[in-house]
Structure formats: C-alpha cells, structure tokens
Amino acid sequence: MWTNWAGNQRAQTPITRPTSISELQQAVAQSGTLRIVGSGHSFTPIVAGADRILDLSDIDLPVVGEVGEEKVWVNANARLRDLSPAFAGQGLAFCNLGDINTQSLAGAASTATHGTGRTLPCLAAEITAAKLVSAGGDILSTDDIPLEMAQVTLGMLGILTEAQISVVPKYNLRRQVRLADLQDSIANMHQNWAENRNFEFFYIPFTGKAVELRHEISDAPEGKAPRDLDMIAVKVLKLARNVGLLSSGLRKMLLKLLTMAQSDEDYVGESWRVLCSDRRIRFKEMEYHLPPDVAQDVLQEVITRLHRDHKDIYFPIEVRQTAGDAACLSPFQGGPRISIAIHTDAAEDHQRYFDAIEPLFVEAGGRPHWGKMHSLGFTKLSNLYPDFDRFCALREQLDPLGKFLTPALARLFRP
C-alpha cells in the first residue's frame, strides 16, 4: 500500500518501477489512468484514485547531467537532498530552497514549492527547459510545450523526466534566529523582507511571540550548526496543549518556559544545509499565497480566530514571501505573494480549523499551495489564475482521455 508522508492519503494500487525511459514510455502507453509518486510530501489526493502508480526512482538517468554556464540538466525525479551535494561537487548550488528537501525535483516544481525571499522565486521558476513523456508515450520537450505551461503542472501535461534548471556558484549563508514580539514581527515584516535576502517568521500559538529567521550570503568561515531543537519544541507545545485541557494556567507556564528557553542562533554554513531542516513530526498543512498588501490584516484575523476558537492547536503559523514569476499555474504568477501556512497534528482532525481559516484566505484573493490542503474547485480556481483556462485547454489537447487525472484532479481542472 502506498501512503504519503503525513499518512492522510493512501492507495492500494500496485506500484511499477521502470528502469529506463523506454520502459517508462511503454508503461505510460498502456490503458488506464496513472500517477507518479515522489517522496509523498503532498497532502492532497493527487496520487490516490489512479489505476496505476509509477515510481521513477530506479530510472537509469544520472542525478546531474550536462552542466552549462549557470544551467544544469538533472534527473527530475532525483531528490532535492541528493541534488544539492551533487551540485556542490561541481561548485554550484540552488539559488534558493524551502525548509524541506526530501521532495523530488519534479514533485516540488510541479506544485510550485517555494522558500522565502522577496526577490527569490519558487523552484519551478528556475526550470529553463524540460523533457516529458506524454500520455501517448512520446517524448515531448519545452520546444513542444510553452515553458510557462511546463513549469507547474501537477503532472498533468506529461511525466517530467529531465529538467534544465538555473544554478548559481556555491555559496554560504549566515543564519540568524531570534525570538520577537509577534506584533513587532507583523508590523515590520515588509521592512524585514526588503532588508534581508531570506526572511520568515513563525508564530508560536498562545504566546504572543514569533521566531524570526534571517539568511544572508556570507564569506565568513563555516561554523558548527546548533542542535536542531524544533522537534523538542513541537513536543513541548503539544504537552502544553494537553495539560491546558486541565489547567489554562499550567499551559501558560509551560509556554512561557518554552519561549524563555528559545535561544538565538548565529552561524554560517553551506546554503542548502542552512536552509533545509529535518521534519520528523508529521502534520497536515494548508497554505495560501496572498497579495502582499492584504497579508498583515489576514494574518491578524487568523491569529484572532486561532485564539478565540481553536485552543486545541499547537503547531506554529508560518509566514514567508516569494517573488513573482510567469508560470501559468504558479500561485506567484504576476507578482510576489506572502504565504501563510497553518498546520495540525497528522493524527488529529484538521477539518474544523482549516474550514474556519480558509475563507479568510479565499476572500483576500489567496491562491492555494498545490501540494497542500484546500477545498477549491474548477470555478474558483479559474477566477484566480489569468491563464487557467488556457492551461486546461492544453491539458485537454495533450491528454484527452484524462490519463494523468485522478478524480480529485478532475474536480479541479475540468468544469
């Protein structure tokens, strides 16, 4: 049985593992719907429901192929955590990354996964050319499909096998972490994005405190990374929530002790090692990307509703910004967006919390992260994306039988 990382998506469908592009073409050409699995870090039903599932981790393509000036061809189904050290061996690096790097490049790009930084785009925007296997088993490229269509696809135009991506010379980052008053973080967030290469902050529920993270390129010697205490912190937040059911005062005390124990960080390391973290505690997530001019007000209302109605929630709220790009299905098409992400424990019910917060995001013109939970369908999505209908027309042309559509995807991309 296939299960995603969070455990909220499952499929009994047998998994086929082709070992070459020709085997992949033969498998795709067979009848029936199919989907590709990567690391399973999407929370949405984009795999479950297909007649067949393919895993491309055994495909005989090198992790890194042809290296050109500021561009590299890669195996699109390689994991980000494997691509980064492979790039480093060539003196290269990703321009930016998110805080999780277990995903395959194809999965991360096809869902517009992002890091943070006002001038730094999502990973899909770094793709400059691509090769795909079509629904009929033919080889297509971005000579056949417009690049802006092929960058973010949810795997619906074809199976991404190789991608040419923009890279930069290998670099180090200085990471600075500090605890701040939440209202200061919200009031100063636009200034902090203007002044820092990377900036983000996490609100710790029911504390009035936020953890701010900044990264800048540095020529200083690498230092020793401090111990990652995120897992311990989340466990303490859960403990505080649980004892709070018996005594609100005890919850306040534990949360105060947690914030007092939060220590500042200031160290230098290789970019991908600094940007990316292990996430061992499993969760479910909803994330919307908002126009920058409304994000502060929306965030304030999210926190108001959290405090008033959702005292069972203990996961932090994450706030980031990503530069705009031109991809048709990119949530960042047309300009920068501020992302607000909310979470619940993977083993706990998310519905009441997510249902209460999602209308705030939608009313503000937010676009959902394609790999995270949301309730939008075709009509609402088509109103959010200027080129949505154009993308759907191309999808229908390339895959008229819906080979790459699960029932859940059909609800999003067919009227």
Protein backbone atom coordinates (compact mmCIF):
# COMPACT_ATOMS: atom_id res chain seq x y z
CA MET A 1 0.00 0.00 0.00
CA TRP A 2 1.23 3.48 -0.86
CA THR A 3 0.95 6.15 1.86
CA ASN A 4 2.03 9.76 1.74
CA TRP A 5 4.35 11.32 4.33
CA ALA A 6 1.53 12.64 6.53
CA GLY A 7 -0.45 9.41 6.33
CA ASN A 8 -3.65 11.15 5.20
CA GLN A 9 -3.50 9.80 1.61
CA ARG A 10 -3.40 6.08 0.78
CA ALA A 11 -3.72 3.81 -2.25
CA GLN A 12 -3.86 0.03 -2.60
CA THR A 13 -2.74 0.30 -6.24
CA PRO A 14 0.37 -1.76 -7.16
CA ILE A 15 3.50 0.30 -7.85
CA THR A 16 5.52 -0.24 -11.03
CA ARG A 17 9.19 0.82 -11.15
CA PRO A 18 10.52 1.22 -14.70
CA THR A 19 14.30 1.29 -15.00
CA SER A 20 14.68 3.14 -18.29
CA ILE A 21 12.95 5.83 -20.33
CA SER A 22 11.88 3.21 -22.89
CA GLU A 23 10.27 1.10 -20.15
CA LEU A 24 8.56 4.23 -18.87
CA GLN A 25 7.22 5.02 -22.36
CA GLN A 26 5.83 1.50 -22.66
CA ALA A 27 4.20 1.71 -19.24
CA VAL A 28 2.61 5.08 -19.98
CA ALA A 29 1.25 3.92 -23.33
CA GLN A 30 -0.87 1.25 -21.63
CA SER A 31 -4.53 1.99 -20.95
CA GLY A 32 -5.83 3.29 -17.65
CA THR A 33 -5.05 6.32 -15.51
CA LEU A 34 -1.70 6.64 -13.82
CA ARG A 35 0.21 8.88 -11.45
CA ILE A 36 3.84 9.23 -10.44
CA VAL A 37 4.94 9.06 -6.80
CA GLY A 38 7.86 11.06 -5.47
CA SER A 39 8.54 11.43 -1.76
CA GLY A 40 4.81 11.67 -0.96
CA HIS A 41 5.16 15.07 0.67
CA SER A 42 1.97 16.39 -0.85
CA PHE A 43 -1.07 16.40 1.43
CA THR A 44 -3.61 16.31 -1.41
CA PRO A 45 -5.13 13.32 -3.31
CA ILE A 46 -3.07 13.74 -6.49
CA VAL A 47 -1.95 10.08 -6.49
CA ALA A 48 -4.79 8.15 -4.88
CA GLY A 49 -7.54 7.17 -7.32
CA ALA A 50 -5.33 6.31 -10.29
CA ASP A 51 -5.49 2.85 -11.87
CA ARG A 52 -1.70 2.58 -11.83
CA ILE A 53 1.16 4.15 -9.87
CA LEU A 54 4.70 4.52 -11.19
CA ASP A 55 7.83 5.13 -9.11
CA LEU A 56 10.72 6.56 -11.16
CA SER A 57 13.45 6.25 -8.53
CA ASP A 58 15.09 3.39 -10.49
CA ILE A 59 15.23 5.21 -13.85
CA ASP A 60 18.76 4.99 -15.27
CA LEU A 61 19.44 8.73 -15.53
CA PRO A 62 22.37 10.42 -13.80
CA VAL A 63 21.45 12.74 -10.93
CA VAL A 64 23.29 15.57 -12.70
CA GLY A 65 23.72 15.57 -16.46
CA GLU A 66 25.08 18.21 -18.78
CA VAL A 67 26.49 21.24 -16.94
CA GLY A 68 26.48 24.56 -18.76
CA GLU A 69 27.05 28.15 -17.76
CA GLU A 70 24.55 28.84 -14.94
CA LYS A 71 22.33 25.96 -16.13
CA VAL A 72 22.34 22.23 -15.38
CA TRP A 73 20.35 19.28 -16.74
CA VAL A 74 19.21 16.97 -13.96
CA ASN A 75 17.18 13.84 -13.38
CA ALA A 76 13.86 15.45 -12.50
CA ASN A 77 12.97 12.60 -10.17
CA ALA A 78 16.09 12.95 -8.05
CA ARG A 79 15.52 14.20 -4.51
CA LEU A 80 16.49 17.77 -3.67
CA ARG A 81 18.61 16.41 -0.82
CA ASP A 82 20.66 14.45 -3.40
CA LEU A 83 20.86 17.23 -5.98
CA SER A 84 22.32 19.77 -3.54
CA PRO A 85 25.50 17.84 -2.67
CA ALA A 86 25.84 16.80 -6.32
CA PHE A 87 25.75 20.46 -7.31
CA ALA A 88 28.24 21.34 -4.58
CA GLY A 89 30.67 18.84 -6.09
CA GLN A 90 30.50 20.94 -9.27
CA GLY A 91 30.91 24.20 -7.34
CA LEU A 92 27.22 25.05 -7.86
CA ALA A 93 24.04 25.46 -5.80
CA PHE A 94 20.32 26.09 -5.99
CA CYS A 95 19.55 29.80 -5.86
CA ASN A 96 17.08 29.12 -3.07
CA LEU A 97 15.32 26.23 -1.33
CA GLY A 98 12.47 25.67 1.07
CA ASP A 99 12.98 24.30 4.56
CA ILE A 100 12.25 20.71 3.48
CA ASN A 101 14.37 18.97 0.84
CA THR A 102 13.06 15.40 0.84
CA GLN A 103 10.89 16.04 -2.24
CA SER A 104 11.78 15.06 -5.77
CA LEU A 105 12.58 18.00 -8.02
CA ALA A 106 9.62 17.06 -10.25
CA GLY A 107 7.21 16.96 -7.32
CA ALA A 108 8.47 20.19 -5.78
CA ALA A 109 8.47 22.12 -9.06
CA SER A 110 5.14 20.75 -10.29
CA THR A 111 3.41 22.02 -7.13
CA ALA A 112 5.29 25.37 -7.06
CA THR A 113 7.08 24.61 -3.81
CA HIS A 114 8.99 27.64 -2.56
CA GLY A 115 11.39 29.04 0.01
CA THR A 116 11.32 32.63 1.19
CA GLY A 117 12.75 35.91 -0.05
CA ARG A 118 11.10 38.88 -1.71
CA THR A 119 13.35 38.67 -4.79
CA LEU A 120 13.63 34.85 -4.88
CA PRO A 121 11.10 32.86 -6.97
CA CYS A 122 9.72 29.38 -6.38
CA LEU A 123 11.67 26.35 -7.56
CA ALA A 124 9.58 25.91 -10.71
CA ALA A 125 10.64 29.32 -11.98
CA GLU A 126 14.25 28.07 -12.09
CA ILE A 127 13.35 25.50 -14.76
CA THR A 128 14.54 26.76 -18.15
CA ALA A 129 13.83 23.65 -20.26
CA ALA A 130 12.29 20.22 -19.73
CA LYS A 131 11.67 16.77 -21.22
CA LEU A 132 8.45 14.84 -20.60
CA VAL A 133 6.79 11.58 -21.56
CA SER A 134 3.36 12.32 -23.00
CA ALA A 135 0.09 10.48 -22.35
CA GLY A 136 0.72 8.52 -25.56
CA GLY A 137 4.24 7.53 -24.52
CA ASP A 138 6.05 10.01 -26.79
CA ILE A 139 8.93 12.26 -25.74
CA LEU A 140 7.99 15.94 -25.55
CA SER A 141 10.07 18.95 -24.60
CA THR A 142 9.64 22.63 -23.99
CA ASP A 143 10.12 23.02 -27.73
CA ASP A 144 6.66 21.42 -27.96
CA ILE A 145 5.07 22.85 -24.80
CA PRO A 146 5.49 26.51 -23.80
CA LEU A 147 7.87 26.79 -20.86
CA GLU A 148 5.40 28.78 -18.78
CA MET A 149 2.97 25.87 -19.13
CA ALA A 150 5.51 23.17 -18.29
CA GLN A 151 6.96 24.66 -15.10
CA VAL A 152 3.97 24.00 -12.81
CA THR A 153 1.72 21.16 -14.00
CA LEU A 154 0.82 18.81 -11.12
CA GLY A 155 1.99 16.13 -13.54
CA MET A 156 -0.96 16.62 -15.89
CA LEU A 157 0.81 17.50 -19.17
CA GLY A 158 3.22 14.58 -19.10
CA ILE A 159 5.75 12.86 -16.87
CA LEU A 160 8.70 15.13 -16.18
CA THR A 161 11.89 13.11 -16.66
CA GLU A 162 14.64 15.70 -17.10
CA ALA A 163 14.83 19.41 -16.33
CA GLN A 164 17.33 22.12 -17.06
CA ILE A 165 17.50 24.47 -14.11
CA SER A 166 19.25 27.73 -13.31
CA VAL A 167 22.01 27.44 -10.72
CA VAL A 168 24.47 29.80 -9.06
CA PRO A 169 28.04 29.40 -7.78
CA LYS A 170 28.19 27.53 -4.48
CA TYR A 171 27.71 29.91 -1.54
CA ASN A 172 27.42 30.04 2.24
CA LEU A 173 24.66 31.65 4.27
CA ARG A 174 24.71 33.30 7.65
CA ARG A 175 21.67 32.17 9.62
CA GLN A 176 20.32 34.38 12.40
CA VAL A 177 17.37 33.32 14.55
CA ARG A 178 15.77 35.33 17.33
CA LEU A 179 12.59 35.49 19.38
CA ALA A 180 10.48 38.61 18.84
CA ASP A 181 7.15 40.03 19.94
CA LEU A 182 4.53 38.90 17.45
CA GLN A 183 3.16 42.38 16.81
CA ASP A 184 6.68 43.66 16.05
CA SER A 185 7.17 40.82 13.55
CA ILE A 186 3.89 41.63 11.82
CA ALA A 187 4.45 45.40 11.82
CA ASN A 188 7.99 45.09 10.44
CA MET A 189 7.62 42.13 8.09
CA HIS A 190 7.69 44.13 4.84
CA GLN A 191 10.79 46.01 6.00
CA ASN A 192 12.45 42.74 7.02
CA TRP A 193 11.83 41.22 3.59
CA ALA A 194 13.27 44.36 1.97
CA GLU A 195 16.40 44.27 4.12
CA ASN A 196 17.18 40.52 4.12
CA ARG A 197 17.90 38.01 1.38
CA ASN A 198 15.73 35.47 3.18
CA PHE A 199 13.27 36.30 5.93
CA GLU A 200 10.44 34.35 7.54
CA PHE A 201 8.77 34.07 10.89
CA PHE A 202 6.76 31.51 12.85
CA TYR A 203 4.10 32.45 15.36
CA ILE A 204 4.10 30.22 18.45
CA PRO A 205 0.38 29.86 19.32
CA PHE A 206 -0.88 31.48 22.52
CA THR A 207 2.48 33.07 23.40
CA GLY A 208 2.44 36.43 21.64
CA LYS A 209 5.95 35.53 20.42
CA ALA A 210 7.37 34.80 16.97
CA VAL A 211 10.61 33.15 15.89
CA GLU A 212 12.29 35.24 13.16
CA LEU A 213 14.79 33.71 10.72
CA ARG A 214 17.17 35.69 8.51
CA HIS A 215 19.75 34.50 5.98
CA GLU A 216 22.42 36.48 4.15
CA ILE A 217 25.23 35.35 1.83
CA SER A 218 28.47 35.30 3.79
CA ASP A 219 32.19 34.87 3.12
CA ALA A 220 32.85 34.09 6.78
CA PRO A 221 34.22 30.65 7.75
CA GLU A 222 31.66 27.92 8.28
CA GLY A 223 30.67 27.32 11.88
CA LYS A 224 29.04 24.46 13.72
CA ALA A 225 25.29 24.40 13.35
CA PRO A 226 23.47 24.48 16.68
CA ARG A 227 21.42 21.48 17.68
CA ASP A 228 18.05 21.41 15.93
CA LEU A 229 15.52 21.65 18.74
CA ASP A 230 12.42 22.10 16.57
CA MET A 231 11.16 18.57 17.28
CA ILE A 232 11.53 19.06 21.03
CA ALA A 233 9.81 22.45 20.84
CA VAL A 234 6.81 20.99 18.99
CA LYS A 235 6.55 18.20 21.56
CA VAL A 236 6.55 20.78 24.35
CA LEU A 237 3.84 22.76 22.53
CA LYS A 238 1.74 19.58 22.33
CA LEU A 239 2.33 18.84 26.01
CA ALA A 240 1.31 22.38 26.91
CA ARG A 241 -1.87 21.99 24.84
CA ASN A 242 -2.71 18.71 26.56
CA VAL A 243 -2.21 19.96 30.11
CA GLY A 244 -4.09 23.11 29.14
CA LEU A 245 -7.21 20.99 28.89
CA LEU A 246 -6.91 20.60 32.67
CA SER A 247 -5.42 23.97 33.58
CA SER A 248 -5.04 27.04 31.37
CA GLY A 249 -2.58 28.43 33.90
CA LEU A 250 -0.31 25.40 33.54
CA ARG A 251 -0.38 25.80 29.75
CA LYS A 252 0.68 29.44 30.09
CA MET A 253 3.52 28.44 32.41
CA LEU A 254 4.85 25.79 30.02
CA LEU A 255 4.63 28.15 27.06
CA LYS A 256 6.48 30.83 29.00
CA LEU A 257 9.23 28.35 29.87
CA LEU A 258 9.45 27.34 26.20
CA THR A 259 9.88 30.91 24.99
CA MET A 260 12.41 31.60 27.74
CA ALA A 261 14.39 28.56 26.56
CA GLN A 262 14.38 29.76 22.93
CA SER A 263 17.98 30.66 22.22
CA ASP A 264 19.27 32.89 19.44
CA GLU A 265 21.24 31.36 16.59
CA ASP A 266 24.02 32.94 14.56
CA TYR A 267 26.17 30.73 12.38
CA VAL A 268 27.47 30.26 8.83
CA GLY A 269 27.14 27.15 6.70
CA GLU A 270 26.70 25.82 3.18
CA SER A 271 23.48 27.25 1.71
CA TRP A 272 21.39 24.08 1.43
CA ARG A 273 22.45 22.81 4.83
CA VAL A 274 21.41 26.10 6.42
CA LEU A 275 18.11 26.47 4.56
CA CYS A 276 16.84 22.90 4.95
CA SER A 277 15.78 21.07 8.10
CA ASP A 278 14.58 17.60 9.01
CA ARG A 279 10.89 17.36 9.83
CA ARG A 280 10.27 14.23 11.89
CA ILE A 281 6.97 15.19 13.48
CA ARG A 282 4.22 14.60 10.94
CA PHE A 283 1.50 17.11 10.27
CA LYS A 284 -1.21 18.19 7.82
CA GLU A 285 -0.97 21.62 6.26
CA MET A 286 -2.95 24.31 4.49
CA GLU A 287 -1.07 27.19 2.87
CA TYR A 288 -2.37 30.13 0.85
CA HIS A 289 -0.35 32.72 -1.06
CA LEU A 290 -1.73 36.24 -0.54
CA PRO A 291 -1.27 39.64 -2.19
CA PRO A 292 1.32 41.46 -0.04
CA ASP A 293 -0.91 44.45 0.68
CA VAL A 294 -3.54 42.37 2.49
CA ALA A 295 -1.34 39.79 4.22
CA GLN A 296 -0.91 41.66 7.51
CA ASP A 297 -4.65 42.10 8.04
CA VAL A 298 -5.38 38.49 7.11
CA LEU A 299 -2.67 37.21 9.45
CA GLN A 300 -4.05 39.26 12.33
CA GLU A 301 -7.52 37.81 11.78
CA VAL A 302 -6.15 34.25 11.50
CA ILE A 303 -4.47 34.68 14.89
CA THR A 304 -7.61 36.23 16.39
CA ARG A 305 -9.69 33.23 15.32
CA LEU A 306 -6.99 30.81 16.49
CA HIS A 307 -7.00 32.34 19.97
CA ARG A 308 -10.79 32.56 20.16
CA ASP A 309 -11.94 29.26 18.69
CA HIS A 310 -9.07 26.78 18.36
CA LYS A 311 -7.32 26.26 21.66
CA ASP A 312 -6.50 22.69 20.61
CA ILE A 313 -4.00 23.92 18.00
CA TYR A 314 -0.32 23.96 18.95
CA PHE A 315 1.59 23.96 15.64
CA PRO A 316 3.19 27.33 14.71
CA ILE A 317 1.85 29.50 11.88
CA GLU A 318 4.50 30.07 9.18
CA VAL A 319 4.83 33.30 7.18
CA ARG A 320 7.07 33.65 4.10
CA GLN A 321 7.30 35.68 0.88
CA THR A 322 8.16 34.56 -2.67
CA ALA A 323 8.94 36.58 -5.80
CA GLY A 324 6.58 36.59 -8.78
CA ASP A 325 7.06 34.55 -11.94
CA ALA A 326 5.33 33.83 -15.26
CA ALA A 327 4.26 30.17 -14.97
CA CYS A 328 0.57 29.72 -15.79
CA LEU A 329 -0.30 27.65 -12.72
CA SER A 330 2.17 29.26 -10.37
CA PRO A 331 0.48 30.86 -7.34
CA PHE A 332 3.11 33.56 -7.75
CA GLN A 333 2.24 34.40 -11.34
CA GLY A 334 2.10 38.14 -11.81
CA GLY A 335 3.90 39.31 -8.69
CA PRO A 336 5.19 38.44 -5.23
CA ARG A 337 2.96 36.73 -2.69
CA ILE A 338 3.09 36.31 1.08
CA SER A 339 2.39 32.76 2.21
CA ILE A 340 0.60 31.88 5.43
CA ALA A 341 0.66 28.22 6.43
CA ILE A 342 -1.37 26.56 9.18
CA HIS A 343 -0.94 23.01 10.48
CA THR A 344 -2.43 20.30 12.62
CA ASP A 345 -1.01 17.10 14.02
CA ALA A 346 -1.16 14.41 11.31
CA ALA A 347 -3.08 12.12 13.66
CA GLU A 348 -5.66 14.74 14.68
CA ASP A 349 -8.69 16.16 12.92
CA HIS A 350 -7.89 19.23 10.82
CA GLN A 351 -11.31 19.94 9.36
CA ARG A 352 -12.76 22.40 11.88
CA TYR A 353 -9.60 24.55 11.98
CA PHE A 354 -8.95 24.56 8.24
CA ASP A 355 -12.62 25.19 7.41
CA ALA A 356 -12.65 28.19 9.73
CA ILE A 357 -9.48 29.79 8.35
CA GLU A 358 -9.71 29.04 4.62
CA PRO A 359 -12.48 31.61 3.88
CA LEU A 360 -10.17 34.38 5.14
CA PHE A 361 -7.56 33.35 2.59
CA VAL A 362 -10.06 33.00 -0.26
CA GLU A 363 -11.81 36.32 0.40
CA ALA A 364 -8.42 38.07 0.30
CA GLY A 365 -7.64 36.69 -3.16
CA GLY A 366 -5.29 33.99 -1.89
CA ARG A 367 -4.15 31.13 -4.11
CA PRO A 368 -3.67 27.71 -2.50
CA HIS A 369 -0.41 25.79 -2.49
CA TRP A 370 -0.98 22.96 -4.99
CA GLY A 371 0.54 20.33 -2.71
CA LYS A 372 -1.36 21.33 0.43
CA MET A 373 -4.93 21.00 1.59
CA HIS A 374 -7.69 23.25 0.25
CA SER A 375 -11.33 22.96 -0.82
CA LEU A 376 -11.39 24.97 -4.06
CA GLY A 377 -12.78 23.60 -7.32
CA PHE A 378 -12.64 24.47 -11.00
CA THR A 379 -14.78 27.62 -10.94
CA LYS A 380 -12.97 29.36 -8.10
CA LEU A 381 -9.53 28.35 -9.38
CA SER A 382 -10.26 29.59 -12.89
CA ASN A 383 -11.05 33.01 -11.41
CA LEU A 384 -7.73 33.12 -9.53
CA TYR A 385 -5.41 32.41 -12.48
CA PRO A 386 -5.42 34.55 -15.65
CA ASP A 387 -4.16 31.62 -17.77
CA PHE A 388 -6.09 28.83 -16.06
CA ASP A 389 -8.44 28.15 -18.98
CA ARG A 390 -5.51 28.26 -21.41
CA PHE A 391 -3.68 25.65 -19.34
CA CYS A 392 -6.77 23.46 -19.14
CA ALA A 393 -7.20 23.64 -22.92
CA LEU A 394 -3.61 22.46 -23.45
CA ARG A 395 -4.06 19.71 -20.86
CA GLU A 396 -7.15 18.50 -22.71
CA GLN A 397 -5.29 18.60 -26.03
CA LEU A 398 -2.31 16.61 -24.72
CA ASP A 399 -4.32 14.17 -22.60
CA PRO A 400 -7.91 13.98 -23.97
CA LEU A 401 -8.62 10.70 -22.17
CA GLY A 402 -7.50 12.08 -18.80
CA LYS A 403 -4.75 9.52 -18.30
CA PHE A 404 -2.99 11.76 -15.75
CA LEU A 405 -6.18 12.82 -13.94
CA THR A 406 -7.31 11.35 -10.65
CA PRO A 407 -10.92 12.06 -9.61
CA ALA A 408 -9.63 14.78 -7.28
CA LEU A 409 -7.64 16.46 -10.05
CA ALA A 410 -10.59 16.25 -12.44
CA ARG A 411 -12.65 18.23 -9.92
CA LEU A 412 -10.00 20.98 -10.08
CA PHE A 413 -9.25 21.05 -13.81
CA ARG A 414 -12.47 20.04 -15.56
CA PRO A 415 -15.64 22.16 -15.41
